[in-house]
Amino acid sequence: MHYTEQGEITWYDCGGSTPSDTSNDPSGGSLPYFRTQGDQLSSFSISPNPAQDIATVQFSLEEENNVSLEIFDINGRKVKTILSEKMNVGEQSHQVDLSDLDSGIYYLHIRTGKKIVTRKVVKM
């Protein structure tokens, strides 16, 4: 398994390709923009972050793919599944209800194909 970390975004490569060169990154290297090769997820953001009760997760798919979004606590226990379904190409936006979670740090995992990208979420 290959592991690379870039800011708060973590890349896990479970047998697929590695992240592409970000020299053409339109954000100038700032988060949350990223691109992968061979696994058609081209952006991923959470706002607001920190959040109180509701956060919006936005991402873009360049190819139809199975997608899952899950929230884990700091001990690695899954506390919530937001979605797990086949999704179409294009921009995606999902409201995440955090009201049932205690204040603290959580990790949102987005899985597309062989990639898992994790982003820290702070619940106030």
N, C-alpha and C. Protein backbone atom coordinates (compact mmCIF):
# COMPACT_ATOMS: atom_id res chain seq x y z
N MET A 1 0.84 -1.17 0.00
CA MET A 1 0.00 0.00 0.00
C MET A 1 0.89 1.24 0.00
N HIS A 2 0.57 2.21 -0.81
CA HIS A 2 1.33 3.45 -0.93
C HIS A 2 0.63 4.53 -0.12
N TYR A 3 1.38 5.35 0.60
CA TYR A 3 0.80 6.39 1.43
C TYR A 3 1.52 7.70 1.14
N THR A 4 0.77 8.73 0.86
CA THR A 4 1.31 10.07 0.67
C THR A 4 0.40 11.04 1.38
N GLU A 5 0.94 12.06 2.02
CA GLU A 5 0.11 13.04 2.71
C GLU A 5 0.36 14.42 2.13
N GLN A 6 -0.71 15.17 1.92
CA GLN A 6 -0.64 16.51 1.38
C GLN A 6 -1.58 17.37 2.21
N GLY A 7 -1.08 18.19 3.12
CA GLY A 7 -1.95 18.99 3.96
C GLY A 7 -2.85 18.10 4.79
N GLU A 8 -4.14 18.40 4.82
CA GLU A 8 -5.08 17.60 5.57
C GLU A 8 -5.65 16.46 4.74
N ILE A 9 -5.31 16.39 3.47
CA ILE A 9 -5.83 15.33 2.62
C ILE A 9 -4.84 14.18 2.59
N THR A 10 -5.32 13.00 2.85
CA THR A 10 -4.48 11.82 2.86
C THR A 10 -4.85 10.93 1.70
N TRP A 11 -3.86 10.40 1.00
CA TRP A 11 -4.09 9.53 -0.15
C TRP A 11 -3.72 8.11 0.24
N TYR A 12 -4.59 7.18 0.02
CA TYR A 12 -4.28 5.76 0.18
C TYR A 12 -4.40 5.12 -1.18
N ASP A 13 -3.36 4.49 -1.61
CA ASP A 13 -3.38 3.81 -2.90
C ASP A 13 -3.43 2.32 -2.63
N CYS A 14 -4.55 1.71 -2.91
CA CYS A 14 -4.74 0.28 -2.66
C CYS A 14 -4.57 -0.51 -3.95
N GLY A 15 -3.49 -0.26 -4.66
CA GLY A 15 -3.22 -1.00 -5.87
C GLY A 15 -3.48 -0.22 -7.14
N GLY A 16 -4.04 0.97 -7.02
CA GLY A 16 -4.31 1.81 -8.20
C GLY A 16 -3.11 2.70 -8.47
N SER A 17 -3.34 3.79 -9.16
CA SER A 17 -2.25 4.70 -9.51
C SER A 17 -2.02 5.69 -8.37
N THR A 18 -0.92 6.42 -8.45
CA THR A 18 -0.58 7.41 -7.44
C THR A 18 -1.08 8.78 -7.87
N PRO A 19 -1.15 9.76 -6.93
CA PRO A 19 -1.60 11.09 -7.29
C PRO A 19 -0.74 11.69 -8.39
N SER A 20 -1.38 12.48 -9.23
CA SER A 20 -0.67 13.09 -10.34
C SER A 20 0.11 14.31 -9.87
N ASP A 21 0.95 14.81 -10.74
CA ASP A 21 1.69 16.04 -10.49
C ASP A 21 0.69 17.16 -10.31
N THR A 22 0.83 17.96 -9.25
CA THR A 22 -0.12 19.04 -8.99
C THR A 22 0.40 20.39 -9.47
N SER A 23 1.41 20.41 -10.33
CA SER A 23 1.96 21.68 -10.79
C SER A 23 0.94 22.50 -11.57
N ASN A 24 -0.08 21.86 -12.15
CA ASN A 24 -1.12 22.57 -12.87
C ASN A 24 -2.37 22.76 -12.01
N ASP A 25 -2.24 22.59 -10.72
CA ASP A 25 -3.34 22.73 -9.77
C ASP A 25 -3.87 24.17 -9.82
N PRO A 26 -5.15 24.37 -10.19
CA PRO A 26 -5.68 25.73 -10.31
C PRO A 26 -5.76 26.47 -8.99
N SER A 27 -5.67 25.76 -7.85
CA SER A 27 -5.71 26.42 -6.56
C SER A 27 -4.33 26.91 -6.13
N GLY A 28 -3.32 26.65 -6.96
CA GLY A 28 -1.97 27.06 -6.62
C GLY A 28 -1.35 26.20 -5.52
N GLY A 29 -1.88 25.02 -5.34
CA GLY A 29 -1.33 24.11 -4.34
C GLY A 29 -2.06 24.14 -3.01
N SER A 30 -3.07 25.02 -2.87
CA SER A 30 -3.81 25.06 -1.61
C SER A 30 -4.92 24.01 -1.61
N LEU A 31 -5.30 23.57 -0.44
CA LEU A 31 -6.38 22.60 -0.32
C LEU A 31 -7.70 23.27 -0.61
N PRO A 32 -8.76 22.59 -1.02
CA PRO A 32 -8.89 21.16 -1.05
C PRO A 32 -8.77 20.54 -2.43
N TYR A 33 -8.26 21.25 -3.42
CA TYR A 33 -8.19 20.71 -4.78
C TYR A 33 -7.16 19.60 -4.88
N PHE A 34 -7.49 18.54 -5.59
CA PHE A 34 -6.52 17.50 -5.90
C PHE A 34 -6.99 16.74 -7.12
N ARG A 35 -6.07 16.00 -7.73
CA ARG A 35 -6.43 15.15 -8.86
C ARG A 35 -5.77 13.80 -8.66
N THR A 36 -6.43 12.77 -9.13
CA THR A 36 -5.83 11.45 -9.14
C THR A 36 -5.81 10.96 -10.57
N GLN A 37 -4.92 10.03 -10.84
CA GLN A 37 -4.88 9.40 -12.15
C GLN A 37 -5.56 8.05 -12.03
N GLY A 38 -6.47 7.74 -12.94
CA GLY A 38 -7.08 6.43 -12.98
C GLY A 38 -8.19 6.22 -11.98
N ASP A 39 -8.56 7.23 -11.23
CA ASP A 39 -9.66 7.10 -10.27
C ASP A 39 -10.39 8.42 -10.21
N GLN A 40 -11.23 8.71 -11.00
CA GLN A 40 -11.85 9.91 -11.50
C GLN A 40 -12.44 10.89 -10.48
N LEU A 41 -11.86 11.02 -9.30
CA LEU A 41 -12.27 12.00 -8.31
C LEU A 41 -11.35 13.21 -8.47
N SER A 42 -11.93 14.38 -8.80
CA SER A 42 -11.06 15.51 -9.10
C SER A 42 -11.16 16.65 -8.10
N SER A 43 -12.09 16.63 -7.16
CA SER A 43 -12.13 17.63 -6.11
C SER A 43 -12.91 17.08 -4.92
N PHE A 44 -12.66 17.66 -3.75
CA PHE A 44 -13.32 17.19 -2.53
C PHE A 44 -13.19 18.30 -1.50
N SER A 45 -14.33 18.81 -1.01
CA SER A 45 -14.28 19.86 0.01
C SER A 45 -15.41 19.66 1.01
N ILE A 46 -15.19 20.19 2.22
CA ILE A 46 -16.17 20.16 3.29
C ILE A 46 -16.29 21.58 3.82
N SER A 47 -17.54 22.08 3.91
CA SER A 47 -17.72 23.42 4.46
C SER A 47 -19.06 23.50 5.19
N PRO A 48 -19.17 24.31 6.21
CA PRO A 48 -18.04 24.95 6.89
C PRO A 48 -17.25 23.90 7.66
N ASN A 49 -16.05 24.22 7.98
CA ASN A 49 -15.20 23.34 8.76
C ASN A 49 -14.27 24.21 9.59
N PRO A 50 -14.52 24.34 10.89
CA PRO A 50 -15.40 23.59 11.76
C PRO A 50 -16.87 23.84 11.46
N ALA A 51 -17.69 22.84 11.85
CA ALA A 51 -19.14 22.89 11.61
C ALA A 51 -19.88 22.67 12.92
N GLN A 52 -21.12 23.15 12.96
CA GLN A 52 -21.94 22.90 14.15
C GLN A 52 -22.83 21.69 13.93
N ASP A 53 -23.91 21.85 13.19
CA ASP A 53 -24.84 20.73 13.00
C ASP A 53 -24.88 20.19 11.57
N ILE A 54 -24.61 21.05 10.59
CA ILE A 54 -24.69 20.66 9.19
C ILE A 54 -23.42 21.09 8.47
N ALA A 55 -22.88 20.18 7.66
CA ALA A 55 -21.74 20.50 6.78
C ALA A 55 -22.12 20.04 5.38
N THR A 56 -21.54 20.68 4.39
CA THR A 56 -21.77 20.30 3.00
C THR A 56 -20.51 19.68 2.44
N VAL A 57 -20.66 18.49 1.88
CA VAL A 57 -19.55 17.80 1.24
C VAL A 57 -19.76 17.94 -0.26
N GLN A 58 -18.75 18.45 -0.95
CA GLN A 58 -18.81 18.60 -2.40
C GLN A 58 -17.63 17.89 -3.04
N PHE A 59 -17.91 17.21 -4.13
CA PHE A 59 -16.85 16.55 -4.88
C PHE A 59 -17.29 16.42 -6.32
N SER A 60 -16.33 16.12 -7.17
CA SER A 60 -16.59 16.01 -8.60
C SER A 60 -16.07 14.68 -9.11
N LEU A 61 -16.91 14.00 -9.87
CA LEU A 61 -16.52 12.73 -10.49
C LEU A 61 -16.35 12.93 -11.99
N GLU A 62 -15.26 12.46 -12.52
CA GLU A 62 -15.01 12.55 -13.95
C GLU A 62 -15.53 11.32 -14.68
N GLU A 63 -15.93 10.30 -13.92
CA GLU A 63 -16.43 9.06 -14.50
C GLU A 63 -17.42 8.45 -13.52
N GLU A 64 -18.46 7.79 -14.03
CA GLU A 64 -19.40 7.10 -13.15
C GLU A 64 -18.63 6.13 -12.25
N ASN A 65 -18.98 6.11 -10.96
CA ASN A 65 -18.20 5.31 -10.03
C ASN A 65 -19.01 4.99 -8.80
N ASN A 66 -18.67 3.91 -8.10
CA ASN A 66 -19.23 3.62 -6.79
C ASN A 66 -18.54 4.53 -5.79
N VAL A 67 -19.35 5.21 -4.96
CA VAL A 67 -18.82 6.17 -4.00
C VAL A 67 -19.39 5.86 -2.63
N SER A 68 -18.54 5.94 -1.62
CA SER A 68 -19.03 5.87 -0.25
C SER A 68 -18.43 7.01 0.55
N LEU A 69 -19.24 7.59 1.42
CA LEU A 69 -18.82 8.64 2.35
C LEU A 69 -19.12 8.14 3.76
N GLU A 70 -18.10 8.13 4.61
CA GLU A 70 -18.27 7.63 5.97
C GLU A 70 -17.52 8.55 6.93
N ILE A 71 -18.03 8.65 8.17
CA ILE A 71 -17.38 9.44 9.21
C ILE A 71 -16.84 8.50 10.27
N PHE A 72 -15.57 8.75 10.67
CA PHE A 72 -14.90 7.97 11.69
C PHE A 72 -14.49 8.89 12.84
N ASP A 73 -14.49 8.35 14.07
CA ASP A 73 -14.00 9.14 15.20
C ASP A 73 -12.48 9.05 15.27
N ILE A 74 -11.89 9.73 16.25
CA ILE A 74 -10.43 9.77 16.32
C ILE A 74 -9.81 8.43 16.70
N ASN A 75 -10.64 7.48 17.16
CA ASN A 75 -10.16 6.14 17.48
C ASN A 75 -10.32 5.17 16.31
N GLY A 76 -10.79 5.69 15.17
CA GLY A 76 -10.92 4.85 13.98
C GLY A 76 -12.23 4.08 13.89
N ARG A 77 -13.17 4.35 14.79
CA ARG A 77 -14.48 3.68 14.74
C ARG A 77 -15.41 4.42 13.79
N LYS A 78 -16.08 3.67 12.93
CA LYS A 78 -17.06 4.29 12.03
C LYS A 78 -18.26 4.71 12.85
N VAL A 79 -18.64 6.00 12.74
CA VAL A 79 -19.77 6.50 13.50
C VAL A 79 -20.97 6.81 12.61
N LYS A 80 -20.75 6.92 11.30
CA LYS A 80 -21.86 7.25 10.42
C LYS A 80 -21.51 6.95 8.97
N THR A 81 -22.47 6.39 8.25
CA THR A 81 -22.36 6.26 6.80
C THR A 81 -23.29 7.30 6.18
N ILE A 82 -22.72 8.16 5.36
CA ILE A 82 -23.50 9.22 4.73
C ILE A 82 -24.13 8.71 3.45
N LEU A 83 -23.35 8.00 2.65
CA LEU A 83 -23.89 7.40 1.43
C LEU A 83 -22.98 6.29 0.96
N SER A 84 -23.57 5.41 0.18
CA SER A 84 -22.83 4.33 -0.46
C SER A 84 -23.64 3.93 -1.69
N GLU A 85 -23.25 4.46 -2.84
CA GLU A 85 -24.03 4.24 -4.05
C GLU A 85 -23.22 4.53 -5.31
N LYS A 86 -23.73 4.07 -6.42
CA LYS A 86 -23.13 4.38 -7.72
C LYS A 86 -23.58 5.79 -8.10
N MET A 87 -22.62 6.62 -8.52
CA MET A 87 -22.92 8.01 -8.82
C MET A 87 -22.50 8.35 -10.24
N ASN A 88 -23.21 9.31 -10.82
CA ASN A 88 -22.95 9.76 -12.18
C ASN A 88 -21.81 10.78 -12.23
N VAL A 89 -21.34 11.04 -13.41
CA VAL A 89 -20.31 12.04 -13.68
C VAL A 89 -20.82 13.41 -13.26
N GLY A 90 -19.92 14.24 -12.75
CA GLY A 90 -20.25 15.63 -12.47
C GLY A 90 -20.08 16.02 -11.02
N GLU A 91 -20.50 17.25 -10.74
CA GLU A 91 -20.42 17.81 -9.40
C GLU A 91 -21.46 17.17 -8.50
N GLN A 92 -21.05 16.84 -7.29
CA GLN A 92 -21.93 16.22 -6.30
C GLN A 92 -21.90 17.09 -5.04
N SER A 93 -23.04 17.22 -4.39
CA SER A 93 -23.12 17.98 -3.15
C SER A 93 -24.07 17.26 -2.20
N HIS A 94 -23.61 17.04 -0.97
CA HIS A 94 -24.41 16.31 0.01
C HIS A 94 -24.36 17.01 1.36
N GLN A 95 -25.52 17.21 1.97
CA GLN A 95 -25.61 17.76 3.31
C GLN A 95 -25.33 16.64 4.30
N VAL A 96 -24.49 16.92 5.28
CA VAL A 96 -24.14 15.93 6.30
C VAL A 96 -24.65 16.45 7.64
N ASP A 97 -25.53 15.67 8.27
CA ASP A 97 -26.07 16.03 9.57
C ASP A 97 -25.11 15.57 10.66
N LEU A 98 -24.52 16.53 11.37
CA LEU A 98 -23.56 16.23 12.43
C LEU A 98 -24.18 16.41 13.82
N SER A 99 -25.47 16.74 13.87
CA SER A 99 -26.11 17.08 15.13
C SER A 99 -26.09 15.95 16.15
N ASP A 100 -26.02 14.71 15.70
CA ASP A 100 -26.01 13.57 16.62
C ASP A 100 -24.60 13.20 17.11
N LEU A 101 -23.59 13.96 16.67
CA LEU A 101 -22.21 13.70 17.08
C LEU A 101 -21.79 14.66 18.19
N ASP A 102 -20.97 14.16 19.12
CA ASP A 102 -20.39 15.02 20.16
C ASP A 102 -19.38 15.96 19.51
N SER A 103 -19.10 17.08 20.18
CA SER A 103 -18.06 18.00 19.71
C SER A 103 -16.73 17.26 19.68
N GLY A 104 -15.92 17.53 18.68
CA GLY A 104 -14.62 16.89 18.59
C GLY A 104 -14.12 16.79 17.17
N ILE A 105 -13.08 16.00 16.98
CA ILE A 105 -12.45 15.81 15.67
C ILE A 105 -12.92 14.48 15.09
N TYR A 106 -13.30 14.53 13.82
CA TYR A 106 -13.73 13.34 13.09
C TYR A 106 -13.00 13.32 11.76
N TYR A 107 -13.10 12.18 11.07
CA TYR A 107 -12.48 12.04 9.75
C TYR A 107 -13.52 11.55 8.77
N LEU A 108 -13.68 12.28 7.67
CA LEU A 108 -14.61 11.89 6.62
C LEU A 108 -13.82 11.17 5.55
N HIS A 109 -14.22 9.94 5.24
CA HIS A 109 -13.57 9.14 4.19
C HIS A 109 -14.46 9.17 2.96
N ILE A 110 -13.88 9.44 1.82
CA ILE A 110 -14.59 9.28 0.55
C ILE A 110 -13.84 8.19 -0.21
N ARG A 111 -14.57 7.20 -0.65
CA ARG A 111 -13.97 6.08 -1.38
C ARG A 111 -14.57 6.06 -2.79
N THR A 112 -13.68 6.02 -3.78
CA THR A 112 -14.08 5.85 -5.18
C THR A 112 -13.17 4.78 -5.75
N GLY A 113 -13.74 3.69 -6.16
CA GLY A 113 -12.92 2.62 -6.72
C GLY A 113 -11.89 2.15 -5.73
N LYS A 114 -10.61 2.30 -6.06
CA LYS A 114 -9.52 1.82 -5.23
C LYS A 114 -8.94 2.90 -4.33
N LYS A 115 -9.45 4.11 -4.38
CA LYS A 115 -8.90 5.21 -3.60
C LYS A 115 -9.77 5.52 -2.40
N ILE A 116 -9.11 5.86 -1.29
CA ILE A 116 -9.78 6.43 -0.13
C ILE A 116 -9.08 7.74 0.17
N VAL A 117 -9.84 8.83 0.26
CA VAL A 117 -9.29 10.12 0.62
C VAL A 117 -9.94 10.52 1.93
N THR A 118 -9.15 10.96 2.89
CA THR A 118 -9.64 11.28 4.21
C THR A 118 -9.41 12.76 4.50
N ARG A 119 -10.43 13.39 5.11
CA ARG A 119 -10.33 14.80 5.46
C ARG A 119 -10.81 14.99 6.88
N LYS A 120 -10.09 15.76 7.65
CA LYS A 120 -10.46 16.05 9.02
C LYS A 120 -11.65 17.00 9.06
N VAL A 121 -12.61 16.70 9.95
CA VAL A 121 -13.78 17.54 10.16
C VAL A 121 -13.86 17.84 11.65
N VAL A 122 -14.03 19.11 11.99
CA VAL A 122 -14.18 19.50 13.39
C VAL A 122 -15.64 19.82 13.66
N LYS A 123 -16.22 19.11 14.65
CA LYS A 123 -17.62 19.36 15.07
C LYS A 123 -17.55 20.25 16.31
N MET A 124 -18.21 21.40 16.24
CA MET A 124 -18.21 22.34 17.39
C MET A 124 -19.38 22.05 18.30
